[in-house]
Amino acid sequence: QVQLVESGGGLVQAGGSLRLSCAASSSIDTISVINWYQTTTGNRHKLVATISPTGSTNYADSVKGRFTISRDNAKNTAHLQMNSLKPEDTGVYYCHADRLTRVGGGRVINLWGQGTRVTVSS
């Protein structure tokens, strides 16, 4: 089964930190761009951070200097280190892969994880 699984969400006070993880199933061979999205009330998807296969990163202005995205291509994992959290960071965070290849051949596009909830209290 081809899937992305997020973990690491939780409840934290403002100013605290969380580290989100995204793990690809063993049936996935390679992953192109990995994105983290925040979904807030009203189901608005906000792109928070992006990392290319070579490690180039981009961030939403609202998280620059506070969040760090990283990936391990050998393990097909990605992380989002979230520091100095604010109440407006609250939401469900989704890991997303633009394109990936399967072990044994075949491609999948636009794969989403199931999400992990982050709640930041003031």
C-alpha atoms as a PDB file:
ATOM      1  CA  GLN A   1       0.000   0.000   0.000  1.00  0.00           C
ATOM      2  CA  VAL A   2       1.285   3.434  -0.956  1.00  0.00           C
ATOM      3  CA  GLN A   3       0.858   5.917   1.844  1.00  0.00           C
ATOM      4  CA  LEU A   4       2.349   8.733   3.856  1.00  0.00           C
ATOM      5  CA  VAL A   5       1.926   8.660   7.618  1.00  0.00           C
ATOM      6  CA  GLU A   6       2.309  11.758   9.769  1.00  0.00           C
ATOM      7  CA  SER A   7       3.019  11.814  13.488  1.00  0.00           C
ATOM      8  CA  GLY A   8       4.184  14.195  16.180  1.00  0.00           C
ATOM      9  CA  GLY A   9       1.218  16.486  16.576  1.00  0.00           C
ATOM     10  CA  GLY A  10      -0.182  17.437  19.940  1.00  0.00           C
ATOM     11  CA  LEU A  11      -1.106  20.193  22.339  1.00  0.00           C
ATOM     12  CA  VAL A  12       1.534  22.752  23.209  1.00  0.00           C
ATOM     13  CA  GLN A  13       1.613  26.183  24.809  1.00  0.00           C
ATOM     14  CA  ALA A  14       2.494  29.233  22.779  1.00  0.00           C
ATOM     15  CA  GLY A  15       6.250  29.525  22.474  1.00  0.00           C
ATOM     16  CA  GLY A  16       6.717  25.782  22.575  1.00  0.00           C
ATOM     17  CA  SER A  17       7.976  23.360  19.953  1.00  0.00           C
ATOM     18  CA  LEU A  18       6.816  20.295  18.104  1.00  0.00           C
ATOM     19  CA  ARG A  19       8.491  18.050  15.552  1.00  0.00           C
ATOM     20  CA  LEU A  20       6.257  16.523  12.936  1.00  0.00           C
ATOM     21  CA  SER A  21       7.318  13.463  11.006  1.00  0.00           C
ATOM     22  CA  CYS A  22       6.185  12.025   7.687  1.00  0.00           C
ATOM     23  CA  ALA A  23       7.053   8.441   6.852  1.00  0.00           C
ATOM     24  CA  ALA A  24       6.505   6.817   3.487  1.00  0.00           C
ATOM     25  CA  SER A  25       5.398   3.216   3.247  1.00  0.00           C
ATOM     26  CA  SER A  26       7.980   0.633   2.218  1.00  0.00           C
ATOM     27  CA  SER A  27       6.337   0.288  -1.202  1.00  0.00           C
ATOM     28  CA  ILE A  28       7.529   3.788  -2.113  1.00  0.00           C
ATOM     29  CA  ASP A  29      10.885   4.058  -3.876  1.00  0.00           C
ATOM     30  CA  THR A  30      11.517   7.768  -4.512  1.00  0.00           C
ATOM     31  CA  ILE A  31       9.662  10.974  -3.705  1.00  0.00           C
ATOM     32  CA  SER A  32       9.890  14.280  -5.532  1.00  0.00           C
ATOM     33  CA  VAL A  33       8.870  17.482  -3.768  1.00  0.00           C
ATOM     34  CA  ILE A  34       7.505  17.091  -0.244  1.00  0.00           C
ATOM     35  CA  ASN A  35       5.157  19.706   1.155  1.00  0.00           C
ATOM     36  CA  TRP A  36       3.634  20.372   4.539  1.00  0.00           C
ATOM     37  CA  TYR A  37       0.193  21.957   4.533  1.00  0.00           C
ATOM     38  CA  GLN A  38      -1.782  23.435   7.395  1.00  0.00           C
ATOM     39  CA  THR A  39      -5.535  23.084   7.332  1.00  0.00           C
ATOM     40  CA  THR A  40      -7.472  25.408   9.566  1.00  0.00           C
ATOM     41  CA  THR A  41     -11.114  26.079  10.293  1.00  0.00           C
ATOM     42  CA  GLY A  42     -13.034  26.152   7.045  1.00  0.00           C
ATOM     43  CA  ASN A  43     -10.761  23.524   5.474  1.00  0.00           C
ATOM     44  CA  ARG A  44      -8.403  26.062   3.980  1.00  0.00           C
ATOM     45  CA  HIS A  45      -5.133  24.393   2.911  1.00  0.00           C
ATOM     46  CA  LYS A  46      -2.165  26.644   3.493  1.00  0.00           C
ATOM     47  CA  LEU A  47       1.233  25.641   2.121  1.00  0.00           C
ATOM     48  CA  VAL A  48       3.637  25.952   5.029  1.00  0.00           C
ATOM     49  CA  ALA A  49       6.907  24.487   3.782  1.00  0.00           C
ATOM     50  CA  THR A  50       8.356  22.726   0.760  1.00  0.00           C
ATOM     51  CA  ILE A  51      11.521  20.725   0.205  1.00  0.00           C
ATOM     52  CA  SER A  52      12.892  19.438  -3.090  1.00  0.00           C
ATOM     53  CA  PRO A  53      14.706  16.121  -3.531  1.00  0.00           C
ATOM     54  CA  THR A  54      18.014  18.027  -3.417  1.00  0.00           C
ATOM     55  CA  GLY A  55      17.107  19.840  -0.209  1.00  0.00           C
ATOM     56  CA  SER A  56      16.022  23.241  -1.486  1.00  0.00           C
ATOM     57  CA  THR A  57      13.419  24.698   0.830  1.00  0.00           C
ATOM     58  CA  ASN A  58      10.695  27.322   0.776  1.00  0.00           C
ATOM     59  CA  TYR A  59       8.509  28.591   3.578  1.00  0.00           C
ATOM     60  CA  ALA A  60       5.375  30.608   4.027  1.00  0.00           C
ATOM     61  CA  ASP A  61       6.221  34.077   5.316  1.00  0.00           C
ATOM     62  CA  SER A  62       4.304  33.381   8.513  1.00  0.00           C
ATOM     63  CA  VAL A  63       6.655  30.546   9.544  1.00  0.00           C
ATOM     64  CA  LYS A  64      10.030  31.747   8.253  1.00  0.00           C
ATOM     65  CA  GLY A  65      12.614  31.644  11.005  1.00  0.00           C
ATOM     66  CA  ARG A  66      10.425  29.419  13.176  1.00  0.00           C
ATOM     67  CA  PHE A  67       9.851  26.232  11.143  1.00  0.00           C
ATOM     68  CA  THR A  68      12.426  24.020   9.483  1.00  0.00           C
ATOM     69  CA  ILE A  69      11.618  21.334   6.931  1.00  0.00           C
ATOM     70  CA  SER A  70      14.028  18.479   6.330  1.00  0.00           C
ATOM     71  CA  ARG A  71      14.081  15.094   4.631  1.00  0.00           C
ATOM     72  CA  ASP A  72      16.031  11.873   4.552  1.00  0.00           C
ATOM     73  CA  ASN A  73      15.903  10.438   1.035  1.00  0.00           C
ATOM     74  CA  ALA A  74      17.446   7.134   2.091  1.00  0.00           C
ATOM     75  CA  LYS A  75      14.678   6.542   4.635  1.00  0.00           C
ATOM     76  CA  ASN A  76      11.928   8.356   2.686  1.00  0.00           C
ATOM     77  CA  THR A  77      11.046  10.450   5.680  1.00  0.00           C
ATOM     78  CA  ALA A  78      10.464  14.154   6.180  1.00  0.00           C
ATOM     79  CA  HIS A  79      10.219  16.325   9.247  1.00  0.00           C
ATOM     80  CA  LEU A  80       8.861  19.708  10.166  1.00  0.00           C
ATOM     81  CA  GLN A  81      10.512  21.261  13.223  1.00  0.00           C
ATOM     82  CA  MET A  82       8.152  23.856  14.607  1.00  0.00           C
ATOM     83  CA  ASN A  83       9.556  26.331  17.126  1.00  0.00           C
ATOM     84  CA  SER A  84       8.138  29.427  18.788  1.00  0.00           C
ATOM     85  CA  LEU A  85       4.657  28.165  18.092  1.00  0.00           C
ATOM     86  CA  LYS A  86       1.773  30.606  18.003  1.00  0.00           C
ATOM     87  CA  PRO A  87      -1.969  30.006  18.426  1.00  0.00           C
ATOM     88  CA  GLU A  88      -2.428  30.736  14.709  1.00  0.00           C
ATOM     89  CA  ASP A  89      -0.286  27.688  13.939  1.00  0.00           C
ATOM     90  CA  THR A  90      -3.131  25.529  15.209  1.00  0.00           C
ATOM     91  CA  GLY A  91      -4.572  23.135  12.646  1.00  0.00           C
ATOM     92  CA  VAL A  92      -4.204  19.757  11.023  1.00  0.00           C
ATOM     93  CA  TYR A  93      -0.876  19.369   9.270  1.00  0.00           C
ATOM     94  CA  TYR A  94      -0.641  17.193   6.192  1.00  0.00           C
ATOM     95  CA  CYS A  95       2.372  15.765   4.453  1.00  0.00           C
ATOM     96  CA  HIS A  96       2.022  15.802   0.693  1.00  0.00           C
ATOM     97  CA  ALA A  97       4.134  14.388  -2.129  1.00  0.00           C
ATOM     98  CA  ASP A  98       3.864  15.841  -5.615  1.00  0.00           C
ATOM     99  CA  ARG A  99       5.086  12.681  -7.334  1.00  0.00           C
ATOM    100  CA  LEU A 100       6.604   9.409  -6.233  1.00  0.00           C
ATOM    101  CA  THR A 101       7.681   6.121  -7.714  1.00  0.00           C
ATOM    102  CA  ARG A 102       6.769   2.685  -6.455  1.00  0.00           C
ATOM    103  CA  VAL A 103       9.167  -0.105  -5.698  1.00  0.00           C
ATOM    104  CA  GLY A 104       9.006  -2.335  -8.752  1.00  0.00           C
ATOM    105  CA  GLY A 105       7.778   0.426 -11.035  1.00  0.00           C
ATOM    106  CA  GLY A 106       4.871   2.768 -11.448  1.00  0.00           C
ATOM    107  CA  ARG A 107       4.227   6.335 -10.402  1.00  0.00           C
ATOM    108  CA  VAL A 108       1.786   8.048  -8.090  1.00  0.00           C
ATOM    109  CA  ILE A 109       0.990  11.739  -8.099  1.00  0.00           C
ATOM    110  CA  ASN A 110      -0.517  14.006  -5.488  1.00  0.00           C
ATOM    111  CA  LEU A 111      -0.330  11.724  -2.443  1.00  0.00           C
ATOM    112  CA  TRP A 112      -1.581  13.025   0.925  1.00  0.00           C
ATOM    113  CA  GLY A 113      -1.083  11.682   4.403  1.00  0.00           C
ATOM    114  CA  GLN A 114      -3.906  11.398   6.918  1.00  0.00           C
ATOM    115  CA  GLY A 115      -2.834  14.469   8.891  1.00  0.00           C
ATOM    116  CA  THR A 116      -1.703  15.163  12.424  1.00  0.00           C
ATOM    117  CA  ARG A 117      -3.352  17.741  14.643  1.00  0.00           C
ATOM    118  CA  VAL A 118      -1.423  20.602  16.221  1.00  0.00           C
ATOM    119  CA  THR A 119      -3.056  22.727  18.896  1.00  0.00           C
ATOM    120  CA  VAL A 120      -1.263  25.749  20.302  1.00  0.00           C
ATOM    121  CA  SER A 121      -2.812  27.300  23.376  1.00  0.00           C
ATOM    122  CA  SER A 122      -2.326  30.933  24.303  1.00  0.00           C
END
